[in-house]
Each structure stands twice: as structure tokens, then as C-alpha cells.
Amino acid sequence: MTDADINLVIAEIEYPDAVTFESEDGTVYVKNHKGIFKRYNYCNNWEDIGPIIEREKITVDFWDYKQWIAHNNGYTPFVKTRAETPMKAAAMCYLKMRGGVE
């Protein structure tokens, strides 16, 4: 999945009643019921993915040269993902936990 795909699916999970769309750079915009727009980039912005990491108790560790691993601390079912950045690994782990990616 591209960063844009990941960002869009997470926004749709986090804001199921809002209108979501992505820009050319992969940033996702969410328009709530009041017409207020907010932008999210879960793969590249700690302020966006950080609260999800804390809430879902996702652990992110350095794995190998240019590889990060994220997992859900042994919760059942156990989920583990790898990616080239810690934020992307956490975002993909969250999606896998929520059934948004295989």
C-alpha cells in the first residue's frame, strides 16, 4: 500500500461519518459534519499517528537496516508489521488490527 492509501483508510476508520479525500501529496483531508476540514498524514506525522499508537498500545522498534517493526504488544490476535519508517510501521499495524489490510 502507498502512504496515500494507508492515510485514506485510517481516516475512514477514525472518522466513519466524515467525508474523506486525499491530495496529490498523499495527505488526507477530513471534512466533519460542521464543514471543518482537518488534514492528516499518518505515515509521516507523529502528531497524527502518535495518539493512535498510545490508544491502541502499539509498540514500535528498530528491526534491521532501514526497517522498523510494529506490533500490538501480544494482544490476541497478535499483529506485527514491518516498514521503512516507524510511523508507517505503526500505521500498517493499526490497519492490520482493524482489518483494513492483510
C-alpha atoms as a PDB file:
ATOM      1  CA  MET A   1       0.000   0.000   0.000  1.00  0.00           C
ATOM      2  CA  THR A   2       1.134   3.513  -0.695  1.00  0.00           C
ATOM      3  CA  ASP A   3       1.266   6.133   2.046  1.00  0.00           C
ATOM      4  CA  ALA A   4      -1.756   7.810   0.464  1.00  0.00           C
ATOM      5  CA  ASP A   5      -3.740   4.545   0.592  1.00  0.00           C
ATOM      6  CA  ILE A   6      -2.798   3.982   4.236  1.00  0.00           C
ATOM      7  CA  ASN A   7      -3.683   7.564   5.196  1.00  0.00           C
ATOM      8  CA  LEU A   8      -7.073   7.352   3.496  1.00  0.00           C
ATOM      9  CA  VAL A   9      -8.075   4.025   5.061  1.00  0.00           C
ATOM     10  CA  ILE A  10      -7.053   5.158   8.565  1.00  0.00           C
ATOM     11  CA  ALA A  11      -9.029   8.400   8.142  1.00  0.00           C
ATOM     12  CA  GLU A  12     -12.078   6.390   7.065  1.00  0.00           C
ATOM     13  CA  ILE A  13     -11.717   4.154  10.152  1.00  0.00           C
ATOM     14  CA  GLU A  14     -11.154   7.045  12.546  1.00  0.00           C
ATOM     15  CA  TYR A  15     -13.881   9.268  11.054  1.00  0.00           C
ATOM     16  CA  PRO A  16     -16.554   6.986   9.603  1.00  0.00           C
ATOM     17  CA  ASP A  17     -19.196   9.735   9.381  1.00  0.00           C
ATOM     18  CA  ALA A  18     -16.957  12.341   7.744  1.00  0.00           C
ATOM     19  CA  VAL A  19     -16.103  12.999   4.115  1.00  0.00           C
ATOM     20  CA  THR A  20     -12.505  11.997   3.351  1.00  0.00           C
ATOM     21  CA  PHE A  21     -10.356  12.675   0.323  1.00  0.00           C
ATOM     22  CA  GLU A  22      -6.665  12.792  -0.475  1.00  0.00           C
ATOM     23  CA  SER A  23      -4.462  15.377  -2.123  1.00  0.00           C
ATOM     24  CA  GLU A  24      -1.762  14.696  -4.675  1.00  0.00           C
ATOM     25  CA  ASP A  25       0.931  14.541  -1.956  1.00  0.00           C
ATOM     26  CA  GLY A  26      -0.902  11.776  -0.071  1.00  0.00           C
ATOM     27  CA  THR A  27      -2.234  13.970   2.719  1.00  0.00           C
ATOM     28  CA  VAL A  28      -5.800  13.107   3.660  1.00  0.00           C
ATOM     29  CA  TYR A  29      -8.400  15.762   4.356  1.00  0.00           C
ATOM     30  CA  VAL A  30     -11.382  15.057   6.572  1.00  0.00           C
ATOM     31  CA  LYS A  31     -14.494  17.219   6.459  1.00  0.00           C
ATOM     32  CA  ASN A  32     -16.721  16.791   9.500  1.00  0.00           C
ATOM     33  CA  HIS A  33     -20.447  17.469   9.819  1.00  0.00           C
ATOM     34  CA  LYS A  34     -19.733  21.151  10.629  1.00  0.00           C
ATOM     35  CA  GLY A  35     -17.848  21.610   7.362  1.00  0.00           C
ATOM     36  CA  ILE A  36     -14.483  21.912   9.098  1.00  0.00           C
ATOM     37  CA  PHE A  37     -11.516  20.458   7.242  1.00  0.00           C
ATOM     38  CA  LYS A  38      -8.561  18.872   9.004  1.00  0.00           C
ATOM     39  CA  ARG A  39      -5.603  17.224   7.327  1.00  0.00           C
ATOM     40  CA  TYR A  40      -3.877  14.009   8.348  1.00  0.00           C
ATOM     41  CA  ASN A  41      -0.721  12.240   7.253  1.00  0.00           C
ATOM     42  CA  TYR A  42      -0.496   9.170   9.479  1.00  0.00           C
ATOM     43  CA  CYS A  43       2.569   7.769   7.700  1.00  0.00           C
ATOM     44  CA  ASN A  44       4.697  10.893   8.098  1.00  0.00           C
ATOM     45  CA  ASN A  45       3.431  12.910  11.074  1.00  0.00           C
ATOM     46  CA  TRP A  46       3.861  11.828  14.696  1.00  0.00           C
ATOM     47  CA  GLU A  47       1.101  14.211  15.787  1.00  0.00           C
ATOM     48  CA  ASP A  48      -1.381  12.226  13.688  1.00  0.00           C
ATOM     49  CA  ILE A  49      -0.267   8.641  14.361  1.00  0.00           C
ATOM     50  CA  GLY A  50       1.003   9.176  17.931  1.00  0.00           C
ATOM     51  CA  PRO A  51      -2.416   9.238  19.633  1.00  0.00           C
ATOM     52  CA  ILE A  52      -3.377   6.034  17.795  1.00  0.00           C
ATOM     53  CA  ILE A  53      -0.129   4.346  18.879  1.00  0.00           C
ATOM     54  CA  GLU A  54      -0.850   5.237  22.509  1.00  0.00           C
ATOM     55  CA  ARG A  55      -4.548   4.371  22.408  1.00  0.00           C
ATOM     56  CA  GLU A  56      -4.013   1.015  20.675  1.00  0.00           C
ATOM     57  CA  LYS A  57      -0.857   0.209  22.692  1.00  0.00           C
ATOM     58  CA  ILE A  58       1.267  -0.351  19.595  1.00  0.00           C
ATOM     59  CA  THR A  59       4.983  -0.909  20.146  1.00  0.00           C
ATOM     60  CA  VAL A  60       7.459   0.269  17.511  1.00  0.00           C
ATOM     61  CA  ASP A  61      11.057  -0.972  17.452  1.00  0.00           C
ATOM     62  CA  PHE A  62      14.035  -0.767  15.135  1.00  0.00           C
ATOM     63  CA  TRP A  63      14.289  -4.081  13.311  1.00  0.00           C
ATOM     64  CA  ASP A  64      17.037  -4.029  10.750  1.00  0.00           C
ATOM     65  CA  TYR A  65      18.821  -1.642   8.426  1.00  0.00           C
ATOM     66  CA  LYS A  66      16.087   0.760   7.274  1.00  0.00           C
ATOM     67  CA  GLN A  67      13.344  -1.459   8.731  1.00  0.00           C
ATOM     68  CA  TRP A  68      11.014  -0.850  11.655  1.00  0.00           C
ATOM     69  CA  ILE A  69       8.631  -3.298  13.245  1.00  0.00           C
ATOM     70  CA  ALA A  70       5.342  -2.523  14.973  1.00  0.00           C
ATOM     71  CA  HIS A  71       3.207  -4.902  16.995  1.00  0.00           C
ATOM     72  CA  ASN A  72       0.242  -4.798  19.311  1.00  0.00           C
ATOM     73  CA  ASN A  73       2.013  -5.947  22.494  1.00  0.00           C
ATOM     74  CA  GLY A  74       0.836  -9.531  22.353  1.00  0.00           C
ATOM     75  CA  TYR A  75      -2.878  -8.861  22.294  1.00  0.00           C
ATOM     76  CA  THR A  76      -4.957 -11.552  20.633  1.00  0.00           C
ATOM     77  CA  PRO A  77      -4.795 -11.832  17.739  1.00  0.00           C
ATOM     78  CA  PHE A  78      -1.134 -10.821  17.646  1.00  0.00           C
ATOM     79  CA  VAL A  79      -0.341  -8.412  14.817  1.00  0.00           C
ATOM     80  CA  LYS A  80       3.120  -7.496  13.531  1.00  0.00           C
ATOM     81  CA  THR A  81       4.151  -5.351  10.565  1.00  0.00           C
ATOM     82  CA  ARG A  82       7.403  -4.043   9.085  1.00  0.00           C
ATOM     83  CA  ALA A  83       8.031  -0.833   7.165  1.00  0.00           C
ATOM     84  CA  GLU A  84      10.790   1.588   6.268  1.00  0.00           C
ATOM     85  CA  THR A  85       9.747   4.194   8.877  1.00  0.00           C
ATOM     86  CA  PRO A  86       8.409   3.826  12.424  1.00  0.00           C
ATOM     87  CA  MET A  87       5.277   5.834  11.621  1.00  0.00           C
ATOM     88  CA  LYS A  88       4.425   3.750   8.583  1.00  0.00           C
ATOM     89  CA  ALA A  89       5.018   0.523  10.533  1.00  0.00           C
ATOM     90  CA  ALA A  90       2.635   1.722  13.254  1.00  0.00           C
ATOM     91  CA  ALA A  91       0.042   2.850  10.698  1.00  0.00           C
ATOM     92  CA  MET A  92       0.152  -0.508   8.928  1.00  0.00           C
ATOM     93  CA  CYS A  93      -0.083  -2.354  12.262  1.00  0.00           C
ATOM     94  CA  TYR A  94      -3.190  -0.347  13.136  1.00  0.00           C
ATOM     95  CA  LEU A  95      -4.757  -1.140   9.778  1.00  0.00           C
ATOM     96  CA  LYS A  96      -3.989  -4.822  10.195  1.00  0.00           C
ATOM     97  CA  MET A  97      -5.517  -4.748  13.693  1.00  0.00           C
ATOM     98  CA  ARG A  98      -8.679  -3.133  12.278  1.00  0.00           C
ATOM     99  CA  GLY A  99      -8.888  -5.429   9.258  1.00  0.00           C
ATOM    100  CA  GLY A 100      -8.027  -2.651   6.794  1.00  0.00           C
ATOM    101  CA  VAL A 101      -5.059  -4.515   5.288  1.00  0.00           C
ATOM    102  CA  GLU A 102      -3.870  -8.119   5.063  1.00  0.00           C
END
